[in-house]
């Protein structure tokens, strides 16, 4: 399986029947999959999520799966409605665009009982919006990668539903996680932001090119995920950004995800992606690419006003704004921030 290549060259990831099989069975158990379920899978089958849910899960749980040749939100909602789909998942654009289509008639999604959202930045507001529109269904953020399949499995108890929006899920044994200071290699306490290291039965056995393995594994088998996050309330994980996406402004590290999550709450913003751009004054500064909602717009002063009202520190404000009709993406829906940079 190949990585999506959103931050650079795609790398060939080697898995075994065991690494796939263990995580598929873990998901089938956690999500209470049965033969009565019908999965709707908009992700391509050459992507880790699409492959698992289109093929492996059907053998393990006995459920049917509905696929689409080319994603369009209107046809996606129509597929869910026509086939009574109960489970789905994918990157942020799939969920957001489905909600936009079904907003006038949310009963079109009444068959859905579960949607996991991950693979890229997921705004807490998006999950809360989904929960409000389709209250009978379970929506949550999830975390994993091509290299480490399903590191988190959402939340377990109904009373913990808020973790679905506010965190990227719970690390459930036998998955092991460390939050590490990247400069010193020291494991950090709960609540501190650091680099995410994982060891798990769903962890790949290495890259096809041995050179890609160099510096990515610890001697005891933990893999450096390349993401930043913090552990809260025991074993819940909050992703705060990717190490490659960090903006270094006047020597201070700024995580674009924190700012993206705030901007996503602006009524005129449909989607947003923030990357570093050169600055002769501060070394780097943030540039926000925004897709406005239909019939609406936003300018730089309004963006600054909104971020200021939200209480965000001023040094984190993007200093450049570009309005676009769409963002460059890979087929799984992830935004290609390397192109935006």
C-alpha atoms as a PDB file:
ATOM      1  CA  UNK A   1       0.000   0.000   0.000  1.00  0.00           C
ATOM      2  CA  UNK A   2       1.320   3.474  -0.858  1.00  0.00           C
ATOM      3  CA  UNK A   3       1.140   6.542   1.364  1.00  0.00           C
ATOM      4  CA  UNK A   4      -0.948   9.407   0.003  1.00  0.00           C
ATOM      5  CA  UNK A   5       2.025  11.682  -0.644  1.00  0.00           C
ATOM      6  CA  UNK A   6       0.388  14.823   0.793  1.00  0.00           C
ATOM      7  CA  UNK A   7       3.648  15.948   2.390  1.00  0.00           C
ATOM      8  CA  UNK A   8       6.124  14.584  -0.143  1.00  0.00           C
ATOM      9  CA  UNK A   9       6.977  11.493  -2.204  1.00  0.00           C
ATOM     10  CA  UNK A  10       4.584   8.551  -1.699  1.00  0.00           C
ATOM     11  CA  UNK A  11       6.299   5.633   0.066  1.00  0.00           C
ATOM     12  CA  UNK A  12       5.552   1.935  -0.359  1.00  0.00           C
ATOM     13  CA  UNK A  13       4.290   0.487   2.938  1.00  0.00           C
ATOM     14  CA  UNK A  14       4.595  -3.249   3.605  1.00  0.00           C
ATOM     15  CA  UNK A  15       1.885  -5.007   5.642  1.00  0.00           C
ATOM     16  CA  UNK A  16       1.175  -8.662   6.386  1.00  0.00           C
ATOM     17  CA  UNK A  17      -2.056 -10.644   6.594  1.00  0.00           C
ATOM     18  CA  UNK A  18      -1.650 -10.401  10.362  1.00  0.00           C
ATOM     19  CA  UNK A  19      -1.331  -6.603  10.546  1.00  0.00           C
ATOM     20  CA  UNK A  20      -4.440  -6.161   8.389  1.00  0.00           C
ATOM     21  CA  UNK A  21      -6.412  -8.990   9.966  1.00  0.00           C
ATOM     22  CA  UNK A  22      -5.859  -7.946  13.570  1.00  0.00           C
ATOM     23  CA  UNK A  23      -7.109  -4.391  13.039  1.00  0.00           C
ATOM     24  CA  UNK A  24     -10.077  -5.421  10.891  1.00  0.00           C
ATOM     25  CA  UNK A  25     -11.229  -7.791  13.653  1.00  0.00           C
ATOM     26  CA  UNK A  26     -10.626  -5.088  16.277  1.00  0.00           C
ATOM     27  CA  UNK A  27     -12.785  -2.644  14.287  1.00  0.00           C
ATOM     28  CA  UNK A  28     -15.490  -5.242  13.697  1.00  0.00           C
ATOM     29  CA  UNK A  29     -15.677  -5.789  17.461  1.00  0.00           C
ATOM     30  CA  UNK A  30     -15.505  -2.107  18.449  1.00  0.00           C
ATOM     31  CA  UNK A  31     -18.065  -1.035  15.841  1.00  0.00           C
ATOM     32  CA  UNK A  32     -20.334  -4.081  16.514  1.00  0.00           C
ATOM     33  CA  UNK A  33     -20.411  -5.006  12.840  1.00  0.00           C
ATOM     34  CA  UNK A  34     -22.919  -7.681  11.746  1.00  0.00           C
ATOM     35  CA  UNK A  35     -24.301  -9.164   8.533  1.00  0.00           C
ATOM     36  CA  UNK A  36     -27.137  -6.629   8.759  1.00  0.00           C
ATOM     37  CA  UNK A  37     -24.737  -3.710   8.186  1.00  0.00           C
ATOM     38  CA  UNK A  38     -24.238  -2.055   4.822  1.00  0.00           C
ATOM     39  CA  UNK A  39     -21.045  -0.060   4.529  1.00  0.00           C
ATOM     40  CA  UNK A  40     -20.845   2.991   2.277  1.00  0.00           C
ATOM     41  CA  UNK A  41     -17.201   3.494   1.321  1.00  0.00           C
ATOM     42  CA  UNK A  42     -16.351   6.591  -0.760  1.00  0.00           C
ATOM     43  CA  UNK A  43     -12.565   6.236  -0.310  1.00  0.00           C
ATOM     44  CA  UNK A  44     -10.656   4.586  -3.175  1.00  0.00           C
ATOM     45  CA  UNK A  45      -9.827   0.913  -2.673  1.00  0.00           C
ATOM     46  CA  UNK A  46      -6.135   1.703  -3.232  1.00  0.00           C
ATOM     47  CA  UNK A  47      -6.272   3.714   0.022  1.00  0.00           C
ATOM     48  CA  UNK A  48      -5.903   1.937   3.362  1.00  0.00           C
ATOM     49  CA  UNK A  49      -9.430   2.827   4.520  1.00  0.00           C
ATOM     50  CA  UNK A  50     -11.063   1.867   1.243  1.00  0.00           C
ATOM     51  CA  UNK A  51      -9.185  -1.432   1.019  1.00  0.00           C
ATOM     52  CA  UNK A  52     -10.062  -2.515   4.542  1.00  0.00           C
ATOM     53  CA  UNK A  53     -13.744  -1.623   4.355  1.00  0.00           C
ATOM     54  CA  UNK A  54     -14.375  -2.710   0.758  1.00  0.00           C
ATOM     55  CA  UNK A  55     -12.676  -6.088   1.088  1.00  0.00           C
ATOM     56  CA  UNK A  56     -11.462  -7.311   4.499  1.00  0.00           C
ATOM     57  CA  UNK A  57     -14.408  -6.162   6.633  1.00  0.00           C
ATOM     58  CA  UNK A  58     -16.915  -7.906   4.354  1.00  0.00           C
ATOM     59  CA  UNK A  59     -15.157 -11.256   4.902  1.00  0.00           C
ATOM     60  CA  UNK A  60     -14.858 -10.762   8.660  1.00  0.00           C
ATOM     61  CA  UNK A  61     -18.330  -9.371   9.427  1.00  0.00           C
ATOM     62  CA  UNK A  62     -20.340 -10.695   6.474  1.00  0.00           C
ATOM     63  CA  UNK A  63     -21.698  -7.241   5.638  1.00  0.00           C
ATOM     64  CA  UNK A  64     -22.310  -5.689   2.222  1.00  0.00           C
ATOM     65  CA  UNK A  65     -20.369  -2.680   0.923  1.00  0.00           C
ATOM     66  CA  UNK A  66     -21.504   0.042  -1.491  1.00  0.00           C
ATOM     67  CA  UNK A  67     -18.745   1.664  -3.581  1.00  0.00           C
ATOM     68  CA  UNK A  68     -18.639   4.706  -5.869  1.00  0.00           C
ATOM     69  CA  UNK A  69     -16.539   5.084  -9.024  1.00  0.00           C
ATOM     70  CA  UNK A  70     -16.218   8.867  -8.622  1.00  0.00           C
ATOM     71  CA  UNK A  71     -17.223  10.797  -5.516  1.00  0.00           C
ATOM     72  CA  UNK A  72     -20.002  13.373  -5.760  1.00  0.00           C
ATOM     73  CA  UNK A  73     -21.847  14.347  -2.571  1.00  0.00           C
ATOM     74  CA  UNK A  74     -25.321  14.260  -4.135  1.00  0.00           C
ATOM     75  CA  UNK A  75     -24.807  10.717  -5.442  1.00  0.00           C
ATOM     76  CA  UNK A  76     -23.198   9.741  -2.126  1.00  0.00           C
ATOM     77  CA  UNK A  77     -26.259  10.730  -0.115  1.00  0.00           C
ATOM     78  CA  UNK A  78     -28.483   9.048  -2.728  1.00  0.00           C
ATOM     79  CA  UNK A  79     -26.466   5.804  -2.328  1.00  0.00           C
ATOM     80  CA  UNK A  80     -26.838   5.870   1.458  1.00  0.00           C
ATOM     81  CA  UNK A  81     -30.576   6.493   1.150  1.00  0.00           C
ATOM     82  CA  UNK A  82     -31.189   3.881  -1.569  1.00  0.00           C
ATOM     83  CA  UNK A  83     -29.179   1.057   0.002  1.00  0.00           C
ATOM     84  CA  UNK A  84     -29.881   1.821   3.672  1.00  0.00           C
ATOM     85  CA  UNK A  85     -26.192   2.196   4.475  1.00  0.00           C
ATOM     86  CA  UNK A  86     -25.394   1.984   8.182  1.00  0.00           C
ATOM     87  CA  UNK A  87     -21.633   2.563   8.464  1.00  0.00           C
ATOM     88  CA  UNK A  88     -19.257   4.890   6.647  1.00  0.00           C
ATOM     89  CA  UNK A  89     -16.048   6.776   7.113  1.00  0.00           C
ATOM     90  CA  UNK A  90     -13.438   8.841   5.352  1.00  0.00           C
ATOM     91  CA  UNK A  91     -11.656  12.156   5.185  1.00  0.00           C
ATOM     92  CA  UNK A  92     -13.260  15.464   6.179  1.00  0.00           C
ATOM     93  CA  UNK A  93     -14.590  16.487   2.726  1.00  0.00           C
ATOM     94  CA  UNK A  94     -16.782  13.383   2.470  1.00  0.00           C
ATOM     95  CA  UNK A  95     -18.609  14.107   5.722  1.00  0.00           C
ATOM     96  CA  UNK A  96     -18.809  17.858   5.250  1.00  0.00           C
ATOM     97  CA  UNK A  97     -20.192  17.652   1.721  1.00  0.00           C
ATOM     98  CA  UNK A  98     -22.701  14.956   2.696  1.00  0.00           C
ATOM     99  CA  UNK A  99     -23.996  17.146   5.515  1.00  0.00           C
ATOM    100  CA  UNK A 100     -24.305  20.100   3.128  1.00  0.00           C
ATOM    101  CA  UNK A 101     -26.396  18.018   0.725  1.00  0.00           C
ATOM    102  CA  UNK A 102     -28.594  16.513   3.463  1.00  0.00           C
ATOM    103  CA  UNK A 103     -28.977  19.672   5.556  1.00  0.00           C
ATOM    104  CA  UNK A 104     -32.445  20.461   4.176  1.00  0.00           C
ATOM    105  CA  UNK A 105     -33.567  16.843   4.674  1.00  0.00           C
ATOM    106  CA  UNK A 106     -31.401  15.111   7.312  1.00  0.00           C
ATOM    107  CA  UNK A 107     -33.813  12.163   7.354  1.00  0.00           C
ATOM    108  CA  UNK A 108     -32.043  11.027   4.176  1.00  0.00           C
ATOM    109  CA  UNK A 109     -29.225   9.855   6.477  1.00  0.00           C
ATOM    110  CA  UNK A 110     -31.520   8.153   8.994  1.00  0.00           C
ATOM    111  CA  UNK A 111     -30.129   4.680   8.236  1.00  0.00           C
ATOM    112  CA  UNK A 112     -26.626   5.698   9.351  1.00  0.00           C
ATOM    113  CA  UNK A 113     -25.521   4.490  12.766  1.00  0.00           C
ATOM    114  CA  UNK A 114     -21.786   5.239  12.616  1.00  0.00           C
ATOM    115  CA  UNK A 115     -19.346   7.526  10.755  1.00  0.00           C
ATOM    116  CA  UNK A 116     -15.637   7.742  11.543  1.00  0.00           C
ATOM    117  CA  UNK A 117     -13.780  10.777  10.222  1.00  0.00           C
ATOM    118  CA  UNK A 118     -10.008  10.995   9.873  1.00  0.00           C
ATOM    119  CA  UNK A 119      -7.063  10.890   7.521  1.00  0.00           C
ATOM    120  CA  UNK A 120      -6.684  14.663   7.624  1.00  0.00           C
ATOM    121  CA  UNK A 121      -7.619  17.653   9.802  1.00  0.00           C
ATOM    122  CA  UNK A 122     -11.039  17.133  11.388  1.00  0.00           C
ATOM    123  CA  UNK A 123     -12.711  20.117  13.010  1.00  0.00           C
ATOM    124  CA  UNK A 124     -14.583  19.531  16.283  1.00  0.00           C
ATOM    125  CA  UNK A 125     -17.330  21.767  14.874  1.00  0.00           C
ATOM    126  CA  UNK A 126     -17.854  19.401  11.934  1.00  0.00           C
ATOM    127  CA  UNK A 127     -18.452  16.443  14.255  1.00  0.00           C
ATOM    128  CA  UNK A 128     -20.798  18.476  16.463  1.00  0.00           C
ATOM    129  CA  UNK A 129     -22.737  19.565  13.383  1.00  0.00           C
ATOM    130  CA  UNK A 130     -23.106  15.926  12.305  1.00  0.00           C
ATOM    131  CA  UNK A 131     -24.233  14.897  15.804  1.00  0.00           C
ATOM    132  CA  UNK A 132     -26.891  17.617  15.802  1.00  0.00           C
ATOM    133  CA  UNK A 133     -28.162  16.774  12.302  1.00  0.00           C
ATOM    134  CA  UNK A 134     -28.266  12.986  12.750  1.00  0.00           C
ATOM    135  CA  UNK A 135     -28.570  12.445  16.537  1.00  0.00           C
ATOM    136  CA  UNK A 136     -29.301   8.724  16.253  1.00  0.00           C
ATOM    137  CA  UNK A 137     -25.891   8.115  14.670  1.00  0.00           C
ATOM    138  CA  UNK A 138     -22.430   7.947  16.224  1.00  0.00           C
ATOM    139  CA  UNK A 139     -19.900  10.396  14.731  1.00  0.00           C
ATOM    140  CA  UNK A 140     -16.296  10.718  15.827  1.00  0.00           C
ATOM    141  CA  UNK A 141     -12.781  11.585  14.829  1.00  0.00           C
ATOM    142  CA  UNK A 142     -10.386   8.680  14.334  1.00  0.00           C
ATOM    143  CA  UNK A 143      -6.617   8.374  13.976  1.00  0.00           C
ATOM    144  CA  UNK A 144      -4.380   6.062  12.016  1.00  0.00           C
ATOM    145  CA  UNK A 145      -2.234   5.982   8.912  1.00  0.00           C
ATOM    146  CA  UNK A 146      -1.156   3.748   6.067  1.00  0.00           C
ATOM    147  CA  UNK A 147       1.722   2.665   8.311  1.00  0.00           C
ATOM    148  CA  UNK A 148      -0.310   2.115  11.497  1.00  0.00           C
ATOM    149  CA  UNK A 149      -3.894   1.007  10.911  1.00  0.00           C
ATOM    150  CA  UNK A 150      -6.634   2.343  13.223  1.00  0.00           C
ATOM    151  CA  UNK A 151      -4.544   3.549  16.142  1.00  0.00           C
ATOM    152  CA  UNK A 152      -7.693   4.826  17.882  1.00  0.00           C
ATOM    153  CA  UNK A 153     -11.202   3.348  17.953  1.00  0.00           C
ATOM    154  CA  UNK A 154     -13.365   6.339  18.866  1.00  0.00           C
ATOM    155  CA  UNK A 155     -15.024   6.157  22.279  1.00  0.00           C
ATOM    156  CA  UNK A 156     -16.702   3.268  24.093  1.00  0.00           C
ATOM    157  CA  UNK A 157     -19.591   4.519  26.270  1.00  0.00           C
ATOM    158  CA  UNK A 158     -22.543   6.719  25.177  1.00  0.00           C
ATOM    159  CA  UNK A 159     -21.766   9.177  27.977  1.00  0.00           C
ATOM    160  CA  UNK A 160     -18.331   9.729  26.401  1.00  0.00           C
ATOM    161  CA  UNK A 161     -19.767  11.011  23.105  1.00  0.00           C
ATOM    162  CA  UNK A 162     -18.143  14.429  23.580  1.00  0.00           C
ATOM    163  CA  UNK A 163     -14.766  12.758  23.083  1.00  0.00           C
ATOM    164  CA  UNK A 164     -15.866  12.044  19.508  1.00  0.00           C
ATOM    165  CA  UNK A 165     -15.648  15.747  18.691  1.00  0.00           C
ATOM    166  CA  UNK A 166     -13.038  16.969  21.145  1.00  0.00           C
ATOM    167  CA  UNK A 167     -10.431  14.227  20.642  1.00  0.00           C
ATOM    168  CA  UNK A 168      -9.182  11.915  17.918  1.00  0.00           C
ATOM    169  CA  UNK A 169     -10.255   8.836  19.829  1.00  0.00           C
ATOM    170  CA  UNK A 170      -9.115   6.436  22.484  1.00  0.00           C
ATOM    171  CA  UNK A 171      -5.945   4.387  22.315  1.00  0.00           C
ATOM    172  CA  UNK A 172      -7.184   0.890  23.200  1.00  0.00           C
ATOM    173  CA  UNK A 173      -4.812  -1.933  24.175  1.00  0.00           C
ATOM    174  CA  UNK A 174      -2.863  -3.578  22.554  1.00  0.00           C
ATOM    175  CA  UNK A 175      -2.025  -0.318  20.753  1.00  0.00           C
ATOM    176  CA  UNK A 176       0.718   1.525  22.698  1.00  0.00           C
ATOM    177  CA  UNK A 177       1.421   5.258  22.456  1.00  0.00           C
ATOM    178  CA  UNK A 178       4.163   7.598  23.609  1.00  0.00           C
ATOM    179  CA  UNK A 179       4.137  11.392  23.397  1.00  0.00           C
ATOM    180  CA  UNK A 180       7.772  12.379  23.039  1.00  0.00           C
ATOM    181  CA  UNK A 181       9.864  15.556  23.054  1.00  0.00           C
ATOM    182  CA  UNK A 182      11.327  15.364  19.557  1.00  0.00           C
ATOM    183  CA  UNK A 183      14.500  17.232  20.529  1.00  0.00           C
ATOM    184  CA  UNK A 184      15.424  15.131  23.567  1.00  0.00           C
ATOM    185  CA  UNK A 185      13.538  11.863  23.031  1.00  0.00           C
ATOM    186  CA  UNK A 186      12.024  12.206  26.509  1.00  0.00           C
ATOM    187  CA  UNK A 187       8.504  10.892  27.057  1.00  0.00           C
ATOM    188  CA  UNK A 188       6.177  13.732  28.056  1.00  0.00           C
ATOM    189  CA  UNK A 189       3.418  13.786  30.708  1.00  0.00           C
ATOM    190  CA  UNK A 190      -0.310  13.875  30.043  1.00  0.00           C
ATOM    191  CA  UNK A 191      -1.433  17.159  28.472  1.00  0.00           C
ATOM    192  CA  UNK A 192       1.950  18.082  26.964  1.00  0.00           C
ATOM    193  CA  UNK A 193       2.284  18.372  23.189  1.00  0.00           C
ATOM    194  CA  UNK A 194       4.903  16.234  21.500  1.00  0.00           C
ATOM    195  CA  UNK A 195       5.623  13.791  18.695  1.00  0.00           C
ATOM    196  CA  UNK A 196       3.460  10.665  18.529  1.00  0.00           C
ATOM    197  CA  UNK A 197       5.218   7.294  18.663  1.00  0.00           C
ATOM    198  CA  UNK A 198       3.134   4.115  18.254  1.00  0.00           C
ATOM    199  CA  UNK A 199       3.634   0.362  18.557  1.00  0.00           C
ATOM    200  CA  UNK A 200       0.735  -1.900  17.626  1.00  0.00           C
ATOM    201  CA  UNK A 201      -0.347  -5.164  15.965  1.00  0.00           C
ATOM    202  CA  UNK A 202      -1.512  -3.050  13.000  1.00  0.00           C
ATOM    203  CA  UNK A 203       1.912  -1.447  12.541  1.00  0.00           C
ATOM    204  CA  UNK A 204       3.516  -2.104   9.177  1.00  0.00           C
ATOM    205  CA  UNK A 205       6.719  -4.142   8.914  1.00  0.00           C
ATOM    206  CA  UNK A 206       8.689  -1.399   7.148  1.00  0.00           C
ATOM    207  CA  UNK A 207       8.955   0.519   3.892  1.00  0.00           C
ATOM    208  CA  UNK A 208       9.894  -1.227   0.663  1.00  0.00           C
ATOM    209  CA  UNK A 209      12.867   1.111   0.279  1.00  0.00           C
ATOM    210  CA  UNK A 210      15.120   0.489   3.324  1.00  0.00           C
ATOM    211  CA  UNK A 211      16.323   4.103   3.174  1.00  0.00           C
ATOM    212  CA  UNK A 212      12.810   5.252   4.117  1.00  0.00           C
ATOM    213  CA  UNK A 213      13.039   3.324   7.401  1.00  0.00           C
ATOM    214  CA  UNK A 214      16.096   5.224   8.611  1.00  0.00           C
ATOM    215  CA  UNK A 215      15.343   7.362  11.652  1.00  0.00           C
ATOM    216  CA  UNK A 216      11.657   6.407  11.741  1.00  0.00           C
ATOM    217  CA  UNK A 217      11.801   3.476  14.184  1.00  0.00           C
ATOM    218  CA  UNK A 218      12.936   3.326  17.791  1.00  0.00           C
ATOM    219  CA  UNK A 219      15.068   0.318  18.858  1.00  0.00           C
ATOM    220  CA  UNK A 220      12.097  -1.156  20.777  1.00  0.00           C
ATOM    221  CA  UNK A 221       9.822  -1.043  17.728  1.00  0.00           C
ATOM    222  CA  UNK A 222       7.934   2.217  18.268  1.00  0.00           C
ATOM    223  CA  UNK A 223       7.261   4.081  14.998  1.00  0.00           C
ATOM    224  CA  UNK A 224       7.511   7.871  14.690  1.00  0.00           C
ATOM    225  CA  UNK A 225       4.175   8.852  13.159  1.00  0.00           C
ATOM    226  CA  UNK A 226       5.231  12.337  12.052  1.00  0.00           C
ATOM    227  CA  UNK A 227       2.235  13.846  13.850  1.00  0.00           C
ATOM    228  CA  UNK A 228       2.040  16.063  16.915  1.00  0.00           C
ATOM    229  CA  UNK A 229      -0.453  15.495  19.697  1.00  0.00           C
ATOM    230  CA  UNK A 230      -1.161  15.233  23.384  1.00  0.00           C
ATOM    231  CA  UNK A 231      -2.726  12.624  25.656  1.00  0.00           C
ATOM    232  CA  UNK A 232      -5.688  13.700  27.798  1.00  0.00           C
ATOM    233  CA  UNK A 233      -7.947  11.945  30.322  1.00  0.00           C
ATOM    234  CA  UNK A 234      -5.890   8.784  30.331  1.00  0.00           C
ATOM    235  CA  UNK A 235      -5.743   7.305  26.851  1.00  0.00           C
ATOM    236  CA  UNK A 236      -7.542   9.840  24.664  1.00  0.00           C
ATOM    237  CA  UNK A 237      -5.460  11.405  21.891  1.00  0.00           C
ATOM    238  CA  UNK A 238      -5.731  14.948  20.526  1.00  0.00           C
ATOM    239  CA  UNK A 239      -3.893  15.549  17.247  1.00  0.00           C
ATOM    240  CA  UNK A 240      -2.446  19.065  17.149  1.00  0.00           C
ATOM    241  CA  UNK A 241      -0.764  18.951  13.734  1.00  0.00           C
ATOM    242  CA  UNK A 242       1.898  17.372  11.571  1.00  0.00           C
ATOM    243  CA  UNK A 243       5.537  18.043  12.305  1.00  0.00           C
ATOM    244  CA  UNK A 244       6.104  18.895   8.615  1.00  0.00           C
ATOM    245  CA  UNK A 245       3.237  21.433   8.682  1.00  0.00           C
ATOM    246  CA  UNK A 246       4.609  23.526  11.541  1.00  0.00           C
ATOM    247  CA  UNK A 247       5.030  27.235  10.739  1.00  0.00           C
ATOM    248  CA  UNK A 248       8.121  28.759  12.340  1.00  0.00           C
ATOM    249  CA  UNK A 249       7.354  32.450  12.814  1.00  0.00           C
ATOM    250  CA  UNK A 250      10.046  34.543  14.504  1.00  0.00           C
ATOM    251  CA  UNK A 251      11.400  31.365  16.082  1.00  0.00           C
ATOM    252  CA  UNK A 252       8.013  30.271  17.481  1.00  0.00           C
ATOM    253  CA  UNK A 253       6.365  27.031  16.350  1.00  0.00           C
ATOM    254  CA  UNK A 254       2.760  27.492  15.228  1.00  0.00           C
ATOM    255  CA  UNK A 255       0.448  24.560  14.490  1.00  0.00           C
ATOM    256  CA  UNK A 256      -1.885  25.303  11.549  1.00  0.00           C
ATOM    257  CA  UNK A 257      -4.491  22.830  12.806  1.00  0.00           C
ATOM    258  CA  UNK A 258      -5.348  24.932  15.849  1.00  0.00           C
ATOM    259  CA  UNK A 259      -6.064  27.935  13.605  1.00  0.00           C
ATOM    260  CA  UNK A 260      -7.893  25.832  11.000  1.00  0.00           C
ATOM    261  CA  UNK A 261     -10.229  24.444  13.670  1.00  0.00           C
ATOM    262  CA  UNK A 262     -11.168  27.977  14.755  1.00  0.00           C
ATOM    263  CA  UNK A 263     -11.643  29.297  11.207  1.00  0.00           C
ATOM    264  CA  UNK A 264     -13.829  26.332  10.332  1.00  0.00           C
ATOM    265  CA  UNK A 265     -16.409  27.825  12.708  1.00  0.00           C
ATOM    266  CA  UNK A 266     -16.762  30.989  10.590  1.00  0.00           C
ATOM    267  CA  UNK A 267     -20.129  30.962   8.775  1.00  0.00           C
ATOM    268  CA  UNK A 268     -18.512  31.909   5.440  1.00  0.00           C
ATOM    269  CA  UNK A 269     -15.829  29.177   5.526  1.00  0.00           C
ATOM    270  CA  UNK A 270     -16.578  25.830   3.880  1.00  0.00           C
ATOM    271  CA  UNK A 271     -12.996  24.524   4.040  1.00  0.00           C
ATOM    272  CA  UNK A 272      -9.628  25.938   5.066  1.00  0.00           C
ATOM    273  CA  UNK A 273      -6.007  24.830   4.815  1.00  0.00           C
ATOM    274  CA  UNK A 274      -3.112  26.834   6.270  1.00  0.00           C
ATOM    275  CA  UNK A 275       0.521  26.469   5.212  1.00  0.00           C
ATOM    276  CA  UNK A 276       3.787  28.336   5.705  1.00  0.00           C
ATOM    277  CA  UNK A 277       4.897  30.964   3.224  1.00  0.00           C
ATOM    278  CA  UNK A 278       8.190  32.931   3.237  1.00  0.00           C
ATOM    279  CA  UNK A 279       8.335  36.228   5.108  1.00  0.00           C
ATOM    280  CA  UNK A 280      11.310  38.606   5.002  1.00  0.00           C
ATOM    281  CA  UNK A 281      10.276  39.941   8.408  1.00  0.00           C
ATOM    282  CA  UNK A 282       9.511  36.792  10.421  1.00  0.00           C
ATOM    283  CA  UNK A 283      11.069  33.978   8.370  1.00  0.00           C
ATOM    284  CA  UNK A 284       7.709  32.303   7.793  1.00  0.00           C
ATOM    285  CA  UNK A 285       4.094  33.350   8.114  1.00  0.00           C
ATOM    286  CA  UNK A 286       0.774  31.609   7.734  1.00  0.00           C
ATOM    287  CA  UNK A 287      -1.158  31.610   4.471  1.00  0.00           C
ATOM    288  CA  UNK A 288      -4.816  30.539   4.662  1.00  0.00           C
ATOM    289  CA  UNK A 289      -6.428  28.980   1.599  1.00  0.00           C
ATOM    290  CA  UNK A 290     -10.203  29.204   2.048  1.00  0.00           C
ATOM    291  CA  UNK A 291     -13.115  27.770   0.076  1.00  0.00           C
ATOM    292  CA  UNK A 292     -16.024  30.125   0.862  1.00  0.00           C
ATOM    293  CA  UNK A 293     -19.541  28.795   1.340  1.00  0.00           C
ATOM    294  CA  UNK A 294     -21.915  29.335  -1.580  1.00  0.00           C
ATOM    295  CA  UNK A 295     -22.947  32.975  -1.869  1.00  0.00           C
ATOM    296  CA  UNK A 296     -20.571  34.140   0.868  1.00  0.00           C
ATOM    297  CA  UNK A 297     -17.061  35.549   1.101  1.00  0.00           C
ATOM    298  CA  UNK A 298     -14.433  36.507   3.639  1.00  0.00           C
ATOM    299  CA  UNK A 299     -11.506  38.944   3.531  1.00  0.00           C
ATOM    300  CA  UNK A 300      -8.344  39.288   5.606  1.00  0.00           C
ATOM    301  CA  UNK A 301      -9.704  41.930   8.047  1.00  0.00           C
ATOM    302  CA  UNK A 302     -12.781  39.795   8.731  1.00  0.00           C
ATOM    303  CA  UNK A 303     -10.611  36.720   9.280  1.00  0.00           C
ATOM    304  CA  UNK A 304      -8.456  38.653  11.753  1.00  0.00           C
ATOM    305  CA  UNK A 305     -11.550  39.971  13.556  1.00  0.00           C
ATOM    306  CA  UNK A 306     -12.984  36.452  13.880  1.00  0.00           C
ATOM    307  CA  UNK A 307      -9.747  34.936  15.191  1.00  0.00           C
ATOM    308  CA  UNK A 308      -9.321  37.812  17.630  1.00  0.00           C
ATOM    309  CA  UNK A 309     -12.884  37.366  18.930  1.00  0.00           C
ATOM    310  CA  UNK A 310     -12.149  33.657  19.419  1.00  0.00           C
ATOM    311  CA  UNK A 311      -9.234  34.555  21.715  1.00  0.00           C
ATOM    312  CA  UNK A 312      -6.472  33.149  19.522  1.00  0.00           C
ATOM    313  CA  UNK A 313      -2.987  34.582  20.128  1.00  0.00           C
ATOM    314  CA  UNK A 314      -2.212  37.188  17.476  1.00  0.00           C
ATOM    315  CA  UNK A 315       1.096  35.657  16.443  1.00  0.00           C
ATOM    316  CA  UNK A 316      -0.878  32.627  15.235  1.00  0.00           C
ATOM    317  CA  UNK A 317      -3.037  34.651  12.818  1.00  0.00           C
ATOM    318  CA  UNK A 318      -2.414  33.927   9.109  1.00  0.00           C
ATOM    319  CA  UNK A 319      -1.089  37.058   7.429  1.00  0.00           C
ATOM    320  CA  UNK A 320      -2.156  36.139   3.917  1.00  0.00           C
ATOM    321  CA  UNK A 321      -5.506  34.883   2.600  1.00  0.00           C
ATOM    322  CA  UNK A 322      -6.287  33.208  -0.724  1.00  0.00           C
ATOM    323  CA  UNK A 323      -9.877  32.408  -1.740  1.00  0.00           C
ATOM    324  CA  UNK A 324     -10.147  29.309  -3.940  1.00  0.00           C
ATOM    325  CA  UNK A 325     -12.886  27.215  -5.553  1.00  0.00           C
ATOM    326  CA  UNK A 326     -11.231  23.969  -4.486  1.00  0.00           C
ATOM    327  CA  UNK A 327      -8.073  22.608  -2.898  1.00  0.00           C
ATOM    328  CA  UNK A 328      -5.558  20.193  -4.435  1.00  0.00           C
ATOM    329  CA  UNK A 329      -6.277  16.708  -3.108  1.00  0.00           C
ATOM    330  CA  UNK A 330      -5.314  13.092  -3.385  1.00  0.00           C
ATOM    331  CA  UNK A 331      -8.155  10.633  -4.245  1.00  0.00           C
ATOM    332  CA  UNK A 332      -8.780   9.841  -0.562  1.00  0.00           C
ATOM    333  CA  UNK A 333      -9.751  13.497   0.016  1.00  0.00           C
ATOM    334  CA  UNK A 334      -6.630  14.661   1.850  1.00  0.00           C
ATOM    335  CA  UNK A 335      -5.434  18.162   0.978  1.00  0.00           C
ATOM    336  CA  UNK A 336      -2.012  18.303  -0.689  1.00  0.00           C
ATOM    337  CA  UNK A 337      -0.325  20.882   1.483  1.00  0.00           C
ATOM    338  CA  UNK A 338       2.940  20.361  -0.397  1.00  0.00           C
ATOM    339  CA  UNK A 339       1.216  21.826  -3.487  1.00  0.00           C
ATOM    340  CA  UNK A 340      -0.227  24.725  -1.478  1.00  0.00           C
ATOM    341  CA  UNK A 341       3.209  25.541  -0.086  1.00  0.00           C
END
